[in-house]
Amino acid sequence: MTVLENPEIKLVLTEDHQPDQTGESKVWRVVRRVLLYAVLALLALTILYPVLWMVTTSLRDNGSVLIHPFDFSGTWGLGNYIHLFQEGEVLRWLGSSVFVNITSVLLIAVLSVLGGYGFSAYNFPGKNLLFVLLIIGLTIPPQALVVAGFRWITLWGIENTYWSLIFTYGGWTSFGILMMRNFFDAVPKELREAAIMDGASQFRIFRQVYLPLARSPLTTVLIFTAVWVWNDFIYPIVYLQSEDLYTLPIGVLQFTGRTTVQLATQMAVLTFATALPLIMYLIFRKQFMRGLLEGAVKG
């Protein structure tokens, strides 16, 4: 509400009676909003339909899916998931993926926090050049380094082990160091100077001042890297030759190869493999978005 006062006149204009400064009519604004929502709804349907089809198909029997793949006929139930756990060795694949994922993500988190703090707090010879090389690392696809990485793990004698994957994933720190460095640069320097005046050591400043503030960007790094490691396919299939060590993506490939005509069973294993990272994102989505803003925007 806008109030215009004059010694003799007092005029009150509400928003409904204010002139339209943009020249748009109310009808056109409504039409534009309806069109925008229609386009967004279409995009949402395009994204959600394959996921909904995968989930619903996993609950149907294989015979009805082969005959009518895009309707809801047939017998519904959890039979495909029961068959999956009985025949597909899913728990072993899941255990391998969880171990590799947790160990790799913790290693990446430690290296990212320490590297980001080092780039932010210290000046050393070659700092800018090293940071440029780190950024260039973001442009190199991991698939281009498979052969070179395999030669290194062969020299170290850790081929066909989980450690070959863990040490490889531990090198995926460019994104994490960039996020943490940007965040630490945005922290007021007065906090560090006050801690130094109080006699705090460099490690204590990092542990008690900077690290507690970095929870949100660190959570973002954890979620990003956890999803990357969880979905990675090329490194496990090259580095792991023993079926007892297969991670979930490789196990899914092996399982679908044995069930080529059992489409509903294939959708069950794909739904199971997709659900875990999706649940993790839904749980930590607030910290994820807050970390993106805090780590990507500098001061």
Protein backbone atom coordinates (compact mmCIF):
# COMPACT_ATOMS: atom_id res chain seq x y z
CA MET A 1 0.00 0.00 0.00
CA THR A 2 1.32 3.42 -0.95
CA VAL A 3 0.28 6.58 0.95
CA LEU A 4 0.71 10.01 -0.63
CA GLU A 5 0.19 12.84 1.80
CA ASN A 6 -0.40 16.52 1.05
CA PRO A 7 -1.38 19.32 3.45
CA GLU A 8 -4.87 19.20 1.97
CA ILE A 9 -5.01 15.83 0.15
CA LYS A 10 -4.30 12.34 1.39
CA LEU A 11 -4.35 9.70 -1.35
CA VAL A 12 -4.04 5.97 -0.74
CA LEU A 13 -3.22 3.67 -3.64
CA THR A 14 -3.40 -0.06 -3.23
CA GLU A 15 -1.57 -2.51 -5.44
CA ASP A 16 -4.78 -3.36 -7.27
CA HIS A 17 -5.21 0.24 -8.41
CA GLN A 18 -1.59 1.08 -9.22
CA PRO A 19 -0.88 1.57 -12.90
CA ASP A 20 1.01 -1.20 -14.68
CA GLN A 21 4.44 0.29 -15.34
CA THR A 22 5.48 -2.54 -17.68
CA GLY A 23 2.45 -2.11 -19.91
CA GLU A 24 1.43 -5.77 -19.51
CA SER A 25 -2.20 -6.61 -19.13
CA LYS A 26 -3.37 -8.92 -16.40
CA VAL A 27 -4.63 -11.43 -18.99
CA TRP A 28 -1.23 -11.67 -20.65
CA ARG A 29 0.49 -12.24 -17.29
CA VAL A 30 -1.90 -15.08 -16.52
CA VAL A 31 -1.39 -16.63 -19.98
CA ARG A 32 2.38 -16.39 -19.66
CA ARG A 33 2.31 -18.03 -16.24
CA VAL A 34 0.07 -20.84 -17.48
CA LEU A 35 2.42 -21.49 -20.42
CA LEU A 36 5.43 -21.49 -18.10
CA TYR A 37 3.82 -24.00 -15.74
CA ALA A 38 2.78 -26.18 -18.69
CA VAL A 39 6.35 -26.31 -19.99
CA LEU A 40 7.73 -27.07 -16.52
CA ALA A 41 5.12 -29.80 -16.03
CA LEU A 42 6.08 -31.35 -19.37
CA LEU A 43 9.76 -31.32 -18.43
CA ALA A 44 8.98 -32.85 -15.04
CA LEU A 45 6.91 -35.58 -16.71
CA THR A 46 9.74 -36.30 -19.14
CA ILE A 47 12.15 -36.76 -16.24
CA LEU A 48 9.84 -38.66 -13.88
CA TYR A 49 8.14 -41.01 -16.35
CA PRO A 50 11.15 -43.33 -16.93
CA VAL A 51 11.67 -43.61 -13.18
CA LEU A 52 8.00 -44.36 -12.52
CA TRP A 53 7.95 -46.89 -15.35
CA MET A 54 11.03 -48.62 -13.93
CA VAL A 55 9.52 -48.87 -10.46
CA THR A 56 6.09 -50.06 -11.61
CA THR A 57 7.60 -52.57 -14.03
CA SER A 58 9.72 -54.04 -11.25
CA LEU A 59 6.50 -54.90 -9.38
CA ARG A 60 4.87 -56.77 -12.30
CA ASP A 61 5.45 -60.31 -13.50
CA ASN A 62 7.80 -60.91 -16.43
CA GLY A 63 5.17 -62.43 -18.72
CA SER A 64 2.81 -59.46 -18.67
CA VAL A 65 5.70 -57.02 -19.12
CA LEU A 66 6.84 -58.80 -22.30
CA ILE A 67 3.32 -58.74 -23.74
CA HIS A 68 2.23 -55.27 -22.57
CA PRO A 69 5.32 -53.35 -21.41
CA PHE A 70 3.63 -49.94 -21.05
CA ASP A 71 0.43 -50.68 -19.16
CA PHE A 72 -0.36 -51.89 -15.66
CA SER A 73 -1.70 -55.37 -16.37
CA GLY A 74 -0.48 -58.60 -14.87
CA THR A 75 0.26 -59.76 -11.35
CA TRP A 76 1.78 -57.21 -8.99
CA GLY A 77 4.01 -58.07 -6.04
CA LEU A 78 7.53 -58.27 -4.64
CA GLY A 79 8.42 -61.53 -6.36
CA ASN A 80 11.11 -59.93 -8.52
CA TYR A 81 12.86 -58.47 -5.48
CA ILE A 82 12.70 -61.81 -3.66
CA HIS A 83 14.22 -63.50 -6.71
CA LEU A 84 16.83 -60.76 -6.85
CA PHE A 85 18.08 -61.42 -3.32
CA GLN A 86 17.92 -65.18 -3.73
CA GLU A 87 19.74 -65.48 -7.05
CA GLY A 88 21.53 -62.23 -7.75
CA GLU A 89 24.06 -62.10 -4.89
CA VAL A 90 22.97 -58.53 -4.37
CA LEU A 91 24.02 -58.33 -0.73
CA ARG A 92 27.62 -59.19 -1.60
CA TRP A 93 27.68 -56.57 -4.37
CA LEU A 94 26.09 -54.09 -2.00
CA GLY A 95 28.67 -54.78 0.68
CA SER A 96 31.52 -54.27 -1.78
CA SER A 97 30.07 -50.98 -3.01
CA VAL A 98 29.45 -49.71 0.53
CA PHE A 99 33.01 -50.52 1.65
CA VAL A 100 34.63 -48.94 -1.40
CA ASN A 101 32.31 -45.95 -1.26
CA ILE A 102 32.76 -45.12 2.43
CA THR A 103 36.54 -45.59 2.37
CA SER A 104 37.00 -43.61 -0.84
CA VAL A 105 34.71 -40.77 0.22
CA LEU A 106 36.45 -40.40 3.58
CA LEU A 107 39.83 -40.26 1.82
CA ILE A 108 38.55 -37.68 -0.67
CA ALA A 109 37.02 -35.59 2.15
CA VAL A 110 40.27 -35.49 4.14
CA LEU A 111 42.37 -34.58 1.10
CA SER A 112 39.84 -31.97 -0.05
CA VAL A 113 39.65 -30.21 3.32
CA LEU A 114 43.41 -30.18 3.82
CA GLY A 115 44.11 -29.15 0.23
CA GLY A 116 41.48 -26.41 0.24
CA TYR A 117 42.76 -25.01 3.53
CA GLY A 118 46.34 -25.11 2.29
CA PHE A 119 45.51 -23.16 -0.87
CA SER A 120 43.50 -20.63 1.11
CA ALA A 121 45.69 -20.04 4.17
CA TYR A 122 49.25 -20.34 2.90
CA ASN A 123 51.40 -18.76 0.22
CA PHE A 124 54.10 -21.01 -1.21
CA PRO A 125 56.15 -21.11 -4.42
CA GLY A 126 54.17 -22.47 -7.37
CA LYS A 127 50.82 -22.10 -5.61
CA ASN A 128 49.02 -20.54 -8.58
CA LEU A 129 50.53 -22.99 -11.07
CA LEU A 130 49.55 -25.94 -8.92
CA PHE A 131 46.01 -24.63 -8.58
CA VAL A 132 45.75 -24.16 -12.37
CA LEU A 133 46.86 -27.77 -12.85
CA LEU A 134 44.21 -28.79 -10.34
CA ILE A 135 41.52 -26.96 -12.30
CA ILE A 136 42.76 -28.56 -15.53
CA GLY A 137 42.22 -31.91 -13.83
CA LEU A 138 38.50 -31.16 -13.78
CA THR A 139 38.46 -31.09 -17.58
CA ILE A 140 40.03 -34.55 -18.00
CA PRO A 141 37.45 -37.36 -18.09
CA PRO A 142 38.31 -40.22 -15.72
CA GLN A 143 37.87 -42.72 -18.55
CA ALA A 144 40.94 -41.26 -20.26
CA LEU A 145 43.14 -42.30 -17.32
CA VAL A 146 42.07 -45.93 -16.99
CA VAL A 147 45.06 -47.43 -18.84
CA ALA A 148 47.63 -45.25 -17.06
CA GLY A 149 45.99 -45.97 -13.71
CA PHE A 150 46.00 -49.72 -14.38
CA ARG A 151 49.74 -49.64 -15.05
CA TRP A 152 50.34 -47.86 -11.74
CA ILE A 153 48.30 -50.28 -9.66
CA THR A 154 50.08 -53.16 -11.40
CA LEU A 155 53.44 -51.68 -10.36
CA TRP A 156 52.17 -51.36 -6.77
CA GLY A 157 50.87 -54.94 -6.80
CA ILE A 158 47.30 -54.06 -5.76
CA GLU A 159 45.46 -55.12 -8.91
CA ASN A 160 42.24 -57.07 -8.39
CA THR A 161 41.75 -55.59 -4.90
CA TYR A 162 39.46 -52.98 -3.40
CA TRP A 163 42.50 -50.78 -2.72
CA SER A 164 43.08 -50.32 -6.44
CA LEU A 165 39.70 -48.57 -6.61
CA ILE A 166 40.10 -46.69 -3.32
CA PHE A 167 43.47 -45.18 -4.24
CA THR A 168 42.19 -44.30 -7.71
CA TYR A 169 39.10 -42.56 -6.35
CA GLY A 170 41.30 -40.80 -3.81
CA GLY A 171 42.78 -38.84 -6.70
CA TRP A 172 39.38 -37.37 -7.61
CA THR A 173 39.95 -34.36 -5.37
CA SER A 174 39.94 -31.44 -7.82
CA PHE A 175 36.28 -30.64 -7.26
CA GLY A 176 36.51 -31.01 -3.50
CA ILE A 177 39.62 -28.85 -3.15
CA LEU A 178 38.03 -26.16 -5.33
CA MET A 179 34.87 -26.13 -3.20
CA MET A 180 36.72 -26.03 0.10
CA ARG A 181 39.23 -23.43 -1.07
CA ASN A 182 36.45 -21.07 -2.19
CA PHE A 183 34.68 -21.53 1.13
CA PHE A 184 37.80 -20.94 3.24
CA ASP A 185 38.59 -17.82 1.19
CA ALA A 186 35.15 -16.45 2.17
CA VAL A 187 35.79 -16.90 5.91
CA PRO A 188 36.74 -13.53 7.48
CA LYS A 189 40.49 -13.25 7.98
CA GLU A 190 39.86 -11.61 11.34
CA LEU A 191 38.97 -15.02 12.81
CA ARG A 192 42.36 -16.40 11.89
CA GLU A 193 44.20 -13.30 13.10
CA ALA A 194 42.36 -13.37 16.44
CA ALA A 195 43.23 -17.04 16.92
CA ILE A 196 46.91 -16.33 16.17
CA MET A 197 46.93 -13.50 18.71
CA ASP A 198 45.51 -15.91 21.30
CA GLY A 199 48.48 -18.20 20.68
CA ALA A 200 46.67 -20.94 18.76
CA SER A 201 48.76 -23.23 16.58
CA GLN A 202 48.08 -23.66 12.87
CA PHE A 203 46.52 -27.08 13.41
CA ARG A 204 44.32 -25.76 16.22
CA ILE A 205 43.14 -22.87 14.03
CA PHE A 206 42.21 -25.34 11.33
CA ARG A 207 40.51 -27.80 13.69
CA GLN A 208 38.64 -25.39 15.97
CA VAL A 209 37.98 -22.36 13.75
CA TYR A 210 37.76 -23.34 10.11
CA LEU A 211 36.68 -26.97 10.17
CA PRO A 212 33.46 -26.44 12.22
CA LEU A 213 32.39 -23.75 9.75
CA ALA A 214 32.91 -26.02 6.74
CA ARG A 215 30.16 -28.53 7.49
CA SER A 216 27.85 -27.50 4.64
CA PRO A 217 30.40 -27.41 1.76
CA LEU A 218 32.00 -30.58 3.11
CA THR A 219 28.60 -32.30 3.04
CA THR A 220 28.23 -31.23 -0.61
CA VAL A 221 31.63 -32.72 -1.45
CA LEU A 222 30.68 -35.94 0.33
CA ILE A 223 27.39 -36.28 -1.55
CA PHE A 224 28.90 -35.49 -4.94
CA THR A 225 31.81 -37.89 -4.56
CA ALA A 226 29.64 -40.61 -3.00
CA VAL A 227 27.34 -40.56 -6.03
CA TRP A 228 30.29 -40.54 -8.44
CA VAL A 229 31.96 -43.48 -6.75
CA TRP A 230 28.68 -45.38 -6.35
CA ASN A 231 27.79 -45.10 -10.03
CA ASP A 232 31.29 -45.63 -11.43
CA PHE A 233 31.44 -48.50 -13.86
CA ILE A 234 34.60 -48.30 -15.94
CA TYR A 235 37.20 -48.62 -13.15
CA PRO A 236 35.64 -51.62 -11.35
CA ILE A 237 35.16 -53.57 -14.57
CA VAL A 238 38.81 -53.00 -15.54
CA TYR A 239 40.48 -53.30 -12.13
CA LEU A 240 38.45 -56.18 -10.64
CA GLN A 241 38.72 -59.59 -12.25
CA SER A 242 37.31 -61.68 -9.39
CA GLU A 243 33.54 -61.99 -9.21
CA ASP A 244 33.72 -62.03 -5.41
CA LEU A 245 34.91 -58.40 -5.50
CA TYR A 246 32.31 -57.01 -7.92
CA THR A 247 30.64 -53.77 -6.91
CA LEU A 248 26.95 -53.15 -7.48
CA PRO A 249 27.17 -51.63 -11.02
CA ILE A 250 29.22 -54.62 -12.24
CA GLY A 251 26.88 -57.03 -10.46
CA VAL A 252 23.89 -55.37 -12.12
CA LEU A 253 25.55 -55.87 -15.52
CA GLN A 254 26.23 -59.52 -14.77
CA PHE A 255 22.71 -60.07 -13.47
CA THR A 256 21.00 -58.43 -16.44
CA GLY A 257 23.13 -60.52 -18.79
CA ARG A 258 21.69 -63.65 -17.19
CA THR A 259 18.09 -62.36 -17.35
CA THR A 260 17.87 -60.91 -20.86
CA VAL A 261 14.19 -61.83 -21.29
CA GLN A 262 13.16 -61.07 -17.71
CA LEU A 263 12.54 -57.36 -18.07
CA ALA A 264 10.67 -56.99 -14.78
CA THR A 265 13.52 -58.63 -12.85
CA GLN A 266 16.01 -56.32 -14.55
CA MET A 267 13.96 -53.31 -13.52
CA ALA A 268 13.96 -54.61 -9.93
CA VAL A 269 17.75 -54.68 -9.74
CA LEU A 270 17.98 -51.26 -11.41
CA THR A 271 15.45 -49.82 -8.96
CA PHE A 272 17.43 -51.21 -6.04
CA ALA A 273 20.71 -49.78 -7.36
CA THR A 274 19.10 -46.37 -8.00
CA ALA A 275 17.22 -46.07 -4.72
CA LEU A 276 20.18 -45.87 -2.34
CA PRO A 277 21.88 -42.71 -3.72
CA LEU A 278 18.45 -41.12 -4.21
CA ILE A 279 17.56 -41.72 -0.56
CA MET A 280 20.91 -40.30 0.51
CA TYR A 281 20.28 -37.13 -1.50
CA LEU A 282 16.77 -36.70 -0.09
CA ILE A 283 18.11 -36.97 3.45
CA PHE A 284 20.92 -34.44 2.97
CA ARG A 285 19.37 -32.18 0.33
CA LYS A 286 19.28 -29.07 2.57
CA GLN A 287 22.96 -29.37 3.47
CA PHE A 288 23.70 -30.09 -0.19
CA MET A 289 22.10 -26.90 -1.48
CA ARG A 290 23.55 -24.79 1.34
CA GLY A 291 27.01 -26.18 0.63
CA LEU A 292 26.74 -25.38 -3.07
CA LEU A 293 25.99 -21.75 -2.27
CA GLU A 294 28.66 -21.41 0.40
CA GLY A 295 31.36 -23.24 -1.53
CA ALA A 296 30.75 -21.81 -4.98
CA VAL A 297 30.27 -18.15 -4.11
CA LYS A 298 33.39 -16.37 -2.97
CA GLY A 299 33.09 -13.66 -0.32
